[in-house]
Amino acid sequence: TQPPGIVLSESKEIVWEKSVISSQHRTTFETIEQGDPVTSIVRAICAYAENNSQVTVDPSMSLSQALSANLTQHQVVSLRGLSLDDVLYFVYSDRLVVVQRQEGDFVIIVGYDPYYLQVADPSAGTVSDWNYEYFTDAFQEEGNIFLSYY
């Protein structure tokens, strides 16, 4: 058995851990290309996590499928239903977190502080600060659909 507040992978690696994280963290992620959200996000995450921006995205694939097909050193994990505070463990662990806002509308959380989330938005091609409190509620209303990797 495992201690409460820990999620393990099939190979017994810690995927997520309920722990105290700092009140702010910013990854080194800086830019996202504007364009097709799935392609932009897969390219951004593969470049960030594995230093590989040479990705192939089949238009019939979901974001999760496209990430799984292109990440060779990581496993994709659905964090659907977790709270925003819980998924920030991944950002604190230097792993980007994708949020599905509406069908086909995705953004990446790349940092946070007590007041703002730093978010990469492929529809605008920008990384900007979003109000933490407002988007905590908005993400919850949209089903808390999060995706990351380990």
Protein backbone atom coordinates (compact mmCIF):
# COMPACT_ATOMS: atom_id res chain seq x y z
CA THR A 1 0.00 0.00 0.00
CA GLN A 2 1.03 3.60 -0.46
CA PRO A 3 0.84 6.63 1.81
CA PRO A 4 -2.31 8.77 1.37
CA GLY A 5 -1.91 11.66 -1.05
CA ILE A 6 0.40 9.88 -3.51
CA VAL A 7 -0.39 8.58 -7.00
CA LEU A 8 2.02 6.02 -8.42
CA SER A 9 2.50 4.90 -12.02
CA GLU A 10 2.45 1.23 -13.00
CA SER A 11 6.24 1.24 -12.59
CA LYS A 12 5.89 2.66 -9.04
CA GLU A 13 7.11 6.17 -9.90
CA ILE A 14 5.46 9.05 -8.03
CA VAL A 15 3.20 10.78 -10.53
CA TRP A 16 1.51 13.18 -8.12
CA GLU A 17 1.92 13.91 -4.45
CA LYS A 18 -0.23 16.00 -2.15
CA SER A 19 2.41 18.22 -0.67
CA VAL A 20 3.22 21.74 0.27
CA ILE A 21 4.37 23.65 -2.77
CA SER A 22 5.78 27.13 -2.92
CA SER A 23 3.30 29.96 -3.36
CA GLN A 24 4.92 30.81 -6.67
CA HIS A 25 6.81 29.04 -9.40
CA ARG A 26 7.70 29.94 -12.94
CA THR A 27 9.04 27.40 -15.42
CA THR A 28 11.57 28.43 -18.07
CA PHE A 29 8.87 28.15 -20.76
CA GLU A 30 8.75 31.45 -22.68
CA THR A 31 6.96 31.30 -26.04
CA ILE A 32 4.29 29.41 -27.93
CA GLU A 33 3.60 29.55 -31.63
CA GLN A 34 0.23 30.78 -32.77
CA GLY A 35 -1.74 28.26 -34.76
CA ASP A 36 -3.57 24.98 -34.51
CA PRO A 37 -3.88 24.46 -30.74
CA VAL A 38 -3.12 20.72 -30.74
CA THR A 39 -0.04 21.06 -32.96
CA SER A 40 1.22 24.14 -31.10
CA ILE A 41 0.79 22.50 -27.70
CA VAL A 42 2.36 19.18 -28.72
CA ARG A 43 5.32 21.02 -30.25
CA ALA A 44 5.71 23.25 -27.18
CA ILE A 45 5.53 20.43 -24.64
CA CYS A 46 7.83 18.10 -26.60
CA ALA A 47 10.37 20.90 -27.03
CA TYR A 48 10.17 21.81 -23.34
CA ALA A 49 10.10 18.31 -21.84
CA GLU A 50 12.34 16.46 -24.28
CA ASN A 51 14.11 19.15 -26.31
CA ASN A 52 12.36 17.88 -29.45
CA SER A 53 10.23 20.17 -31.59
CA GLN A 54 10.11 17.75 -34.54
CA VAL A 55 6.62 16.40 -33.98
CA THR A 56 4.01 14.77 -36.18
CA VAL A 57 0.37 15.46 -35.39
CA ASP A 58 -2.34 13.54 -37.23
CA PRO A 59 -5.42 15.81 -37.44
CA SER A 60 -7.65 12.90 -36.39
CA MET A 61 -5.81 12.52 -33.05
CA SER A 62 -6.95 14.02 -29.78
CA LEU A 63 -4.46 16.16 -27.87
CA SER A 64 -3.78 13.29 -25.48
CA GLN A 65 -3.15 10.87 -28.35
CA ALA A 66 -0.88 13.35 -30.16
CA LEU A 67 1.15 13.98 -26.99
CA SER A 68 1.45 10.24 -26.30
CA ALA A 69 2.61 9.61 -29.86
CA ASN A 70 5.30 12.30 -29.68
CA LEU A 71 6.60 12.14 -26.09
CA THR A 72 9.18 9.36 -26.06
CA GLN A 73 10.57 9.82 -22.53
CA HIS A 74 7.36 10.67 -20.66
CA GLN A 75 3.88 9.31 -20.03
CA VAL A 76 0.79 11.47 -20.53
CA VAL A 77 -1.55 11.62 -17.54
CA SER A 78 -5.11 12.92 -17.31
CA LEU A 79 -5.69 15.10 -14.27
CA ARG A 80 -9.38 15.56 -15.05
CA GLY A 81 -11.40 16.53 -12.01
CA LEU A 82 -8.48 17.58 -9.80
CA SER A 83 -8.54 21.11 -8.47
CA LEU A 84 -6.31 23.78 -9.94
CA ASP A 85 -4.36 23.88 -6.67
CA ASP A 86 -3.71 20.13 -6.96
CA VAL A 87 -2.47 20.24 -10.57
CA LEU A 88 -0.04 23.06 -9.75
CA TYR A 89 2.12 20.31 -8.20
CA PHE A 90 3.04 19.42 -11.80
CA VAL A 91 4.04 23.01 -12.61
CA TYR A 92 6.02 23.13 -9.36
CA SER A 93 7.72 19.90 -10.53
CA ASP A 94 8.66 21.68 -13.80
CA ARG A 95 6.01 19.93 -15.90
CA LEU A 96 3.60 21.95 -17.98
CA VAL A 97 -0.16 21.50 -17.48
CA VAL A 98 -2.65 21.73 -20.35
CA VAL A 99 -6.16 22.98 -19.64
CA GLN A 100 -9.06 22.26 -21.96
CA ARG A 101 -11.31 25.28 -21.75
CA GLN A 102 -13.86 24.34 -24.40
CA GLU A 103 -13.88 21.78 -27.19
CA GLY A 104 -10.71 22.46 -29.19
CA ASP A 105 -9.62 25.40 -26.97
CA PHE A 106 -6.50 24.60 -24.95
CA VAL A 107 -3.97 26.62 -22.96
CA ILE A 108 -0.86 25.65 -21.00
CA ILE A 109 -0.18 26.70 -17.40
CA VAL A 110 3.55 27.49 -17.22
CA GLY A 111 3.76 29.27 -13.87
CA TYR A 112 1.83 30.74 -10.98
CA ASP A 113 1.91 33.05 -8.00
CA PRO A 114 -0.79 33.86 -5.43
CA TYR A 115 -2.56 36.24 -7.81
CA TYR A 116 -1.85 35.08 -11.35
CA LEU A 117 -1.41 32.02 -13.52
CA GLN A 118 1.17 32.36 -16.27
CA VAL A 119 -0.57 30.88 -19.31
CA ALA A 120 0.61 30.08 -22.84
CA ASP A 121 -2.25 30.50 -25.29
CA PRO A 122 -1.70 29.05 -28.79
CA SER A 123 -4.78 30.83 -30.20
CA ALA A 124 -3.09 34.18 -29.48
CA GLY A 125 0.56 33.05 -29.60
CA THR A 126 1.19 34.68 -26.22
CA VAL A 127 2.30 33.91 -22.68
CA SER A 128 0.47 36.16 -20.26
CA ASP A 129 -0.84 36.49 -16.72
CA TRP A 130 -4.40 35.36 -16.00
CA ASN A 131 -6.25 36.17 -12.78
CA TYR A 132 -5.80 33.17 -10.48
CA GLU A 133 -9.12 33.43 -8.64
CA TYR A 134 -11.22 34.06 -11.75
CA PHE A 135 -9.73 31.18 -13.71
CA THR A 136 -9.88 28.77 -10.77
CA ASP A 137 -13.66 29.23 -10.94
CA ALA A 138 -13.76 29.22 -14.76
CA PHE A 139 -11.75 25.99 -15.03
CA GLN A 140 -14.00 24.38 -12.43
CA GLU A 141 -17.13 25.40 -14.35
CA GLU A 142 -15.58 23.85 -17.48
CA GLY A 143 -14.99 20.53 -15.68
CA ASN A 144 -11.37 20.89 -14.49
CA ILE A 145 -10.02 19.11 -17.58
CA PHE A 146 -6.24 19.04 -17.09
CA LEU A 147 -3.51 17.02 -18.79
CA SER A 148 0.20 16.69 -18.01
CA TYR A 149 3.05 14.16 -18.13
CA TYR A 150 5.54 12.45 -15.86
